[in-house]
Amino acid sequence: IVRELYPVALEFLQENQAFAKRLVQGALRFSKAQESAAEVAKAKKEFRAKTKNPMTSFTRCRCATEKIEVFLVEGDSAGGSADMMRDRKYQEVHLMRGKFLNAFRNGSAALLKSNATAELISRLFSNLNDFESGKLRVGKIILAADPDIDGLHINNLFHAFLWNVVPQAYEEGRVLV
């Protein structure tokens, strides 16, 4: 069948070059989409493997309702203070360590591959489906960083991440600084 159809298809494509160009462009777009989907699937698999073990930079609270408030803290000194002053029944503390990726520049695959971002995702969302749909497992997110250049940068990265993933949290007043 291929031997019979190949010459006819070749002749048709040579006579209709605009169509041939659109066909090739469509095939290239499809190929890129497949590669991107495979990259996201791989990142999800790695994310699940990374987040099976509890992280040491996180303190859970005792309640399991939407009343939970999470302190996203930059630095050990601020983390220690936040841990001491928190209400252990409703408030959790998450110390940000490592390089937190810029959510505006990186796609979801890159965010899932980053240890710092993957750890944060596992704390704010019950599972990957909730992450993809933007359904938080917590009631409020409180951003706390040092009042220096590094702290401002980290705060901006937190905001970029949250705005890309759960913009409705800002509209509902669930993100505090």
Protein backbone atom coordinates (compact mmCIF):
# COMPACT_ATOMS: atom_id res chain seq x y z
CA ILE A 1 0.00 0.00 0.00
CA VAL A 2 2.83 2.39 0.88
CA ARG A 3 4.53 1.80 -2.49
CA GLU A 4 1.27 2.68 -4.26
CA LEU A 5 0.33 5.72 -2.18
CA TYR A 6 3.78 7.32 -1.75
CA PRO A 7 4.18 8.63 -5.33
CA VAL A 8 0.61 9.97 -5.38
CA ALA A 9 1.03 11.69 -2.00
CA LEU A 10 4.41 13.11 -3.02
CA GLU A 11 2.98 14.53 -6.22
CA PHE A 12 0.00 16.03 -4.35
CA LEU A 13 2.26 17.69 -1.75
CA GLN A 14 4.56 19.10 -4.45
CA GLU A 15 1.59 20.61 -6.26
CA ASN A 16 0.04 21.96 -3.02
CA GLN A 17 3.03 23.39 -1.19
CA ALA A 18 0.95 25.64 1.10
CA PHE A 19 -0.92 22.58 2.33
CA ALA A 20 2.35 20.67 2.71
CA LYS A 21 3.81 23.51 4.78
CA ARG A 22 0.75 23.56 7.10
CA LEU A 23 0.94 19.78 7.41
CA VAL A 24 4.60 19.88 8.45
CA GLN A 25 3.98 22.75 10.89
CA GLY A 26 1.12 20.81 12.46
CA ALA A 27 3.31 17.73 12.79
CA LEU A 28 6.04 19.82 14.48
CA ARG A 29 3.54 21.36 16.92
CA PHE A 30 2.20 17.91 17.73
CA SER A 31 5.73 16.62 18.31
CA LYS A 32 6.53 19.51 20.68
CA ALA A 33 3.28 18.96 22.56
CA GLN A 34 4.11 15.27 22.97
CA GLU A 35 7.58 16.10 24.28
CA SER A 36 6.14 18.65 26.70
CA ALA A 37 3.52 16.17 27.94
CA ALA A 38 6.19 13.52 28.44
CA GLU A 39 8.33 16.00 30.38
CA VAL A 40 5.40 16.91 32.64
CA ALA A 41 4.57 13.22 33.21
CA LYS A 42 8.19 12.51 34.14
CA ALA A 43 8.25 15.52 36.47
CA LYS A 44 5.04 14.34 38.16
CA LYS A 45 6.56 10.91 38.72
CA GLU A 46 9.71 12.43 40.21
CA PHE A 47 7.56 14.78 42.31
CA ARG A 48 5.59 11.89 43.79
CA ALA A 49 8.81 10.06 44.63
CA LYS A 50 10.29 13.18 46.26
CA THR A 51 7.28 14.00 48.40
CA LYS A 52 6.66 10.56 49.88
CA ASN A 53 9.02 11.25 52.77
CA PRO A 54 8.19 13.98 55.26
CA MET A 55 10.44 17.01 55.02
CA THR A 56 12.37 18.24 58.05
CA SER A 57 11.71 21.88 57.20
CA PHE A 58 8.02 21.61 57.95
CA THR A 59 5.97 21.52 61.15
CA ARG A 60 2.43 20.26 60.90
CA CYS A 61 -0.48 21.41 63.03
CA ARG A 62 -2.94 19.16 64.84
CA CYS A 63 -6.09 20.11 62.95
CA ALA A 64 -7.17 18.88 59.54
CA THR A 65 -9.64 21.52 58.41
CA GLU A 66 -9.55 24.50 56.10
CA LYS A 67 -8.77 26.64 59.17
CA ILE A 68 -5.11 25.71 58.73
CA GLU A 69 -2.73 28.63 58.26
CA VAL A 70 0.69 28.01 56.74
CA PHE A 71 3.63 30.31 57.39
CA LEU A 72 5.97 30.27 54.39
CA VAL A 73 9.20 31.40 55.98
CA GLU A 74 12.56 32.32 54.43
CA GLY A 75 15.54 31.50 56.61
CA ASP A 76 16.18 29.47 59.76
CA SER A 77 16.08 32.47 62.11
CA ALA A 78 12.61 33.53 60.97
CA GLY A 79 11.52 29.89 60.97
CA GLY A 80 12.51 29.42 64.60
CA SER A 81 10.59 32.53 65.64
CA ALA A 82 7.52 31.52 63.64
CA ASP A 83 7.62 28.01 65.12
CA MET A 84 7.78 29.34 68.68
CA MET A 85 4.94 31.85 68.27
CA ARG A 86 2.51 29.75 66.23
CA ASP A 87 -0.73 28.26 67.50
CA ARG A 88 0.11 24.56 67.17
CA LYS A 89 -3.52 23.63 66.70
CA TYR A 90 -4.07 25.64 63.50
CA GLN A 91 -0.75 26.93 62.22
CA GLU A 92 2.01 25.18 60.28
CA VAL A 93 5.47 26.50 59.47
CA HIS A 94 7.29 25.76 56.23
CA LEU A 95 10.94 26.81 55.95
CA MET A 96 11.95 27.59 52.40
CA ARG A 97 15.34 26.15 51.60
CA GLY A 98 17.08 25.85 48.28
CA LYS A 99 16.47 27.70 45.03
CA PHE A 100 12.82 28.59 44.57
CA LEU A 101 11.99 28.85 40.85
CA ASN A 102 10.31 31.82 39.20
CA ALA A 103 6.83 30.58 38.25
CA PHE A 104 6.49 33.20 35.50
CA ARG A 105 9.56 31.91 33.66
CA ASN A 106 9.21 28.17 34.26
CA GLY A 107 6.51 25.72 33.24
CA SER A 108 4.82 23.23 35.55
CA ALA A 109 7.34 20.50 34.66
CA ALA A 110 10.24 22.65 35.86
CA LEU A 111 8.34 23.61 39.02
CA LEU A 112 7.68 19.95 39.84
CA LYS A 113 11.36 19.07 39.28
CA SER A 114 12.64 21.73 41.69
CA ASN A 115 13.06 20.36 45.24
CA ALA A 116 12.08 23.63 46.91
CA THR A 117 8.97 24.11 44.79
CA ALA A 118 7.94 20.45 44.95
CA GLU A 119 8.20 20.55 48.74
CA LEU A 120 6.00 23.64 48.87
CA ILE A 121 3.43 22.10 46.52
CA SER A 122 3.23 19.01 48.73
CA ARG A 123 2.48 21.23 51.74
CA LEU A 124 -0.13 23.51 50.18
CA PHE A 125 -2.06 20.91 48.17
CA SER A 126 -3.37 17.48 49.14
CA ASN A 127 -2.27 15.88 45.87
CA LEU A 128 -1.20 16.68 42.30
CA ASN A 129 -4.78 16.86 41.05
CA ASP A 130 -5.50 19.57 43.63
CA PHE A 131 -2.35 21.39 42.53
CA GLU A 132 -3.43 21.29 38.89
CA SER A 133 -6.94 22.49 39.74
CA GLY A 134 -5.70 25.11 42.23
CA LYS A 135 -7.52 23.60 45.25
CA LEU A 136 -5.58 24.49 48.41
CA ARG A 137 -5.67 22.22 51.45
CA VAL A 138 -5.08 25.22 53.73
CA GLY A 139 -7.18 28.22 54.65
CA LYS A 140 -4.53 30.94 54.73
CA ILE A 141 -0.97 31.38 53.53
CA ILE A 142 1.20 33.79 55.47
CA LEU A 143 4.42 34.93 53.79
CA ALA A 144 7.26 35.83 56.16
CA ALA A 145 10.72 36.85 54.98
CA ASP A 146 13.61 38.96 56.25
CA PRO A 147 13.32 42.68 55.44
CA ASP A 148 16.37 42.67 53.18
CA ILE A 149 17.01 42.25 49.46
CA ASP A 150 17.03 38.44 49.67
CA GLY A 151 13.81 38.42 51.66
CA LEU A 152 12.09 40.70 49.16
CA HIS A 153 13.25 38.50 46.30
CA ILE A 154 11.97 35.34 47.99
CA ASN A 155 8.65 37.07 48.73
CA ASN A 156 8.33 38.03 45.05
CA LEU A 157 9.00 34.42 44.02
CA PHE A 158 6.34 33.20 46.51
CA HIS A 159 3.85 35.69 45.06
CA ALA A 160 4.66 34.71 41.46
CA PHE A 161 4.15 31.03 42.31
CA LEU A 162 0.90 31.58 44.20
CA TRP A 163 -0.49 34.00 41.59
CA ASN A 164 0.16 31.48 38.80
CA VAL A 165 -1.24 28.49 40.68
CA VAL A 166 -4.02 29.88 42.90
CA PRO A 167 -4.94 33.45 41.89
CA GLN A 168 -8.32 33.02 43.57
CA ALA A 169 -6.51 32.86 46.94
CA TYR A 170 -5.64 36.56 46.52
CA GLU A 171 -9.23 37.44 45.56
CA GLU A 172 -10.52 35.57 48.62
CA GLY A 173 -7.97 37.27 50.94
CA ARG A 174 -6.24 34.01 51.82
CA VAL A 175 -2.66 35.23 51.18
CA LEU A 176 -1.17 37.46 53.88
CA VAL A 177 2.19 39.20 54.03
